[in-house]
Amino acid sequence: MLKLEGNIRKKSLPFALGILFLGAMLGSLAGELIKLLLAEGVVKEVFLRSIDIMLGPAMIDLVMFSITLGFTLKFNFIGIIGLAIAYYILRFWR
């Protein structure tokens, strides 16, 4: 029995991170949909102001081909609300 409990705990961290990532993604999707529906104004600007965290682009240029790598995280208020809702659900679901 103890071995089974250890396996469940090892699997729960990737599951929790996946749920939090899914919540952030759904929140960002909701933010993009709200952006389409709201009229221009202060409310739209407050809810949809985003912070971009960017790494790259890094370019590797070889003779036959080149590779460009980059990574961008875009956080907005609605995405953070989605992340918080996912955390709340995860906390009481487990």
C-alpha atoms as a PDB file:
ATOM      1  CA  MET A   1       0.000   0.000   0.000  1.00  0.00           C
ATOM      2  CA  LEU A   2       2.755   2.478   0.807  1.00  0.00           C
ATOM      3  CA  LYS A   3       4.361   1.919  -2.563  1.00  0.00           C
ATOM      4  CA  LEU A   4       1.076   2.708  -4.326  1.00  0.00           C
ATOM      5  CA  GLU A   5       0.690   5.966  -2.398  1.00  0.00           C
ATOM      6  CA  GLY A   6       4.210   7.013  -3.422  1.00  0.00           C
ATOM      7  CA  ASN A   7       3.401   6.427  -7.096  1.00  0.00           C
ATOM      8  CA  ILE A   8       0.258   8.527  -6.828  1.00  0.00           C
ATOM      9  CA  ARG A   9       2.185  11.403  -5.271  1.00  0.00           C
ATOM     10  CA  LYS A  10       4.854  11.277  -7.972  1.00  0.00           C
ATOM     11  CA  LYS A  11       2.205  11.503 -10.673  1.00  0.00           C
ATOM     12  CA  SER A  12       0.325  14.303  -8.959  1.00  0.00           C
ATOM     13  CA  LEU A  13       2.948  17.017  -9.584  1.00  0.00           C
ATOM     14  CA  PRO A  14       2.831  16.757 -13.409  1.00  0.00           C
ATOM     15  CA  PHE A  15      -0.954  16.497 -13.191  1.00  0.00           C
ATOM     16  CA  ALA A  16      -1.164  19.635 -11.028  1.00  0.00           C
ATOM     17  CA  LEU A  17       1.167  21.570 -13.324  1.00  0.00           C
ATOM     18  CA  GLY A  18      -0.869  20.447 -16.332  1.00  0.00           C
ATOM     19  CA  ILE A  19      -4.118  21.616 -14.725  1.00  0.00           C
ATOM     20  CA  LEU A  20      -2.583  24.988 -13.834  1.00  0.00           C
ATOM     21  CA  PHE A  21      -1.235  25.368 -17.368  1.00  0.00           C
ATOM     22  CA  LEU A  22      -4.648  24.475 -18.776  1.00  0.00           C
ATOM     23  CA  GLY A  23      -6.290  27.069 -16.511  1.00  0.00           C
ATOM     24  CA  ALA A  24      -3.869  29.750 -17.686  1.00  0.00           C
ATOM     25  CA  MET A  25      -4.493  28.791 -21.322  1.00  0.00           C
ATOM     26  CA  LEU A  26      -8.278  28.853 -20.922  1.00  0.00           C
ATOM     27  CA  GLY A  27      -8.036  32.193 -19.112  1.00  0.00           C
ATOM     28  CA  SER A  28      -5.956  33.634 -21.941  1.00  0.00           C
ATOM     29  CA  LEU A  29      -8.448  32.315 -24.478  1.00  0.00           C
ATOM     30  CA  ALA A  30     -11.277  33.943 -22.512  1.00  0.00           C
ATOM     31  CA  GLY A  31      -9.267  37.174 -22.483  1.00  0.00           C
ATOM     32  CA  GLU A  32      -8.920  37.101 -26.253  1.00  0.00           C
ATOM     33  CA  LEU A  33     -12.671  36.514 -26.628  1.00  0.00           C
ATOM     34  CA  ILE A  34     -13.427  39.376 -24.245  1.00  0.00           C
ATOM     35  CA  LYS A  35     -11.099  41.579 -26.283  1.00  0.00           C
ATOM     36  CA  LEU A  36     -13.313  41.007 -29.317  1.00  0.00           C
ATOM     37  CA  LEU A  37     -16.540  41.749 -27.430  1.00  0.00           C
ATOM     38  CA  LEU A  38     -15.642  44.817 -25.350  1.00  0.00           C
ATOM     39  CA  ALA A  39     -15.751  48.317 -26.775  1.00  0.00           C
ATOM     40  CA  GLU A  40     -12.633  50.450 -26.576  1.00  0.00           C
ATOM     41  CA  GLY A  41     -12.229  52.065 -23.185  1.00  0.00           C
ATOM     42  CA  VAL A  42     -10.726  51.888 -19.745  1.00  0.00           C
ATOM     43  CA  VAL A  43     -12.335  48.547 -18.814  1.00  0.00           C
ATOM     44  CA  LYS A  44     -10.909  46.818 -21.872  1.00  0.00           C
ATOM     45  CA  GLU A  45      -7.492  48.315 -21.217  1.00  0.00           C
ATOM     46  CA  VAL A  46      -7.411  47.237 -17.542  1.00  0.00           C
ATOM     47  CA  PHE A  47      -8.581  43.669 -18.096  1.00  0.00           C
ATOM     48  CA  LEU A  48      -6.504  42.992 -21.174  1.00  0.00           C
ATOM     49  CA  ARG A  49      -3.239  44.765 -20.455  1.00  0.00           C
ATOM     50  CA  SER A  50      -0.532  42.152 -20.795  1.00  0.00           C
ATOM     51  CA  ILE A  51       3.042  41.625 -19.727  1.00  0.00           C
ATOM     52  CA  ASP A  52       5.305  39.893 -22.231  1.00  0.00           C
ATOM     53  CA  ILE A  53       8.309  37.901 -21.024  1.00  0.00           C
ATOM     54  CA  MET A  54      10.464  37.026 -23.990  1.00  0.00           C
ATOM     55  CA  LEU A  55      13.547  34.887 -24.506  1.00  0.00           C
ATOM     56  CA  GLY A  56      15.181  35.001 -27.896  1.00  0.00           C
ATOM     57  CA  PRO A  57      15.105  34.908 -30.810  1.00  0.00           C
ATOM     58  CA  ALA A  58      18.357  32.971 -31.032  1.00  0.00           C
ATOM     59  CA  MET A  59      19.514  32.067 -34.505  1.00  0.00           C
ATOM     60  CA  ILE A  60      21.804  29.193 -35.471  1.00  0.00           C
ATOM     61  CA  ASP A  61      22.974  29.666 -39.029  1.00  0.00           C
ATOM     62  CA  LEU A  62      24.501  26.576 -40.626  1.00  0.00           C
ATOM     63  CA  VAL A  63      25.555  26.285 -44.250  1.00  0.00           C
ATOM     64  CA  MET A  64      22.590  24.222 -45.423  1.00  0.00           C
ATOM     65  CA  PHE A  65      19.886  25.531 -43.068  1.00  0.00           C
ATOM     66  CA  SER A  66      19.267  27.909 -40.189  1.00  0.00           C
ATOM     67  CA  ILE A  67      17.294  27.486 -36.984  1.00  0.00           C
ATOM     68  CA  THR A  68      15.593  30.279 -35.071  1.00  0.00           C
ATOM     69  CA  LEU A  69      14.488  29.633 -31.501  1.00  0.00           C
ATOM     70  CA  GLY A  70      12.426  31.860 -29.233  1.00  0.00           C
ATOM     71  CA  PHE A  71       9.983  31.744 -26.349  1.00  0.00           C
ATOM     72  CA  THR A  72       7.377  34.275 -25.216  1.00  0.00           C
ATOM     73  CA  LEU A  73       5.067  34.224 -22.195  1.00  0.00           C
ATOM     74  CA  LYS A  74       2.157  36.630 -22.332  1.00  0.00           C
ATOM     75  CA  PHE A  75       0.352  37.256 -19.040  1.00  0.00           C
ATOM     76  CA  ASN A  76      -2.867  39.243 -18.807  1.00  0.00           C
ATOM     77  CA  PHE A  77      -5.305  39.795 -15.961  1.00  0.00           C
ATOM     78  CA  ILE A  78      -7.903  37.348 -17.297  1.00  0.00           C
ATOM     79  CA  GLY A  79      -5.217  34.663 -17.758  1.00  0.00           C
ATOM     80  CA  ILE A  80      -4.151  35.081 -14.143  1.00  0.00           C
ATOM     81  CA  ILE A  81      -7.795  34.783 -13.068  1.00  0.00           C
ATOM     82  CA  GLY A  82      -8.008  31.514 -15.051  1.00  0.00           C
ATOM     83  CA  LEU A  83      -4.858  30.297 -13.308  1.00  0.00           C
ATOM     84  CA  ALA A  84      -6.338  31.170  -9.900  1.00  0.00           C
ATOM     85  CA  ILE A  85      -9.604  29.350 -10.713  1.00  0.00           C
ATOM     86  CA  ALA A  86      -7.644  26.276 -11.813  1.00  0.00           C
ATOM     87  CA  TYR A  87      -5.657  26.372  -8.564  1.00  0.00           C
ATOM     88  CA  TYR A  88      -8.869  26.679  -6.529  1.00  0.00           C
ATOM     89  CA  ILE A  89     -10.449  23.728  -8.326  1.00  0.00           C
ATOM     90  CA  LEU A  90      -7.282  21.649  -8.046  1.00  0.00           C
ATOM     91  CA  ARG A  91      -6.925  22.373  -4.346  1.00  0.00           C
ATOM     92  CA  PHE A  92     -10.395  21.129  -3.467  1.00  0.00           C
ATOM     93  CA  TRP A  93     -10.561  18.387  -6.096  1.00  0.00           C
ATOM     94  CA  ARG A  94      -7.559  16.375  -4.844  1.00  0.00           C
END
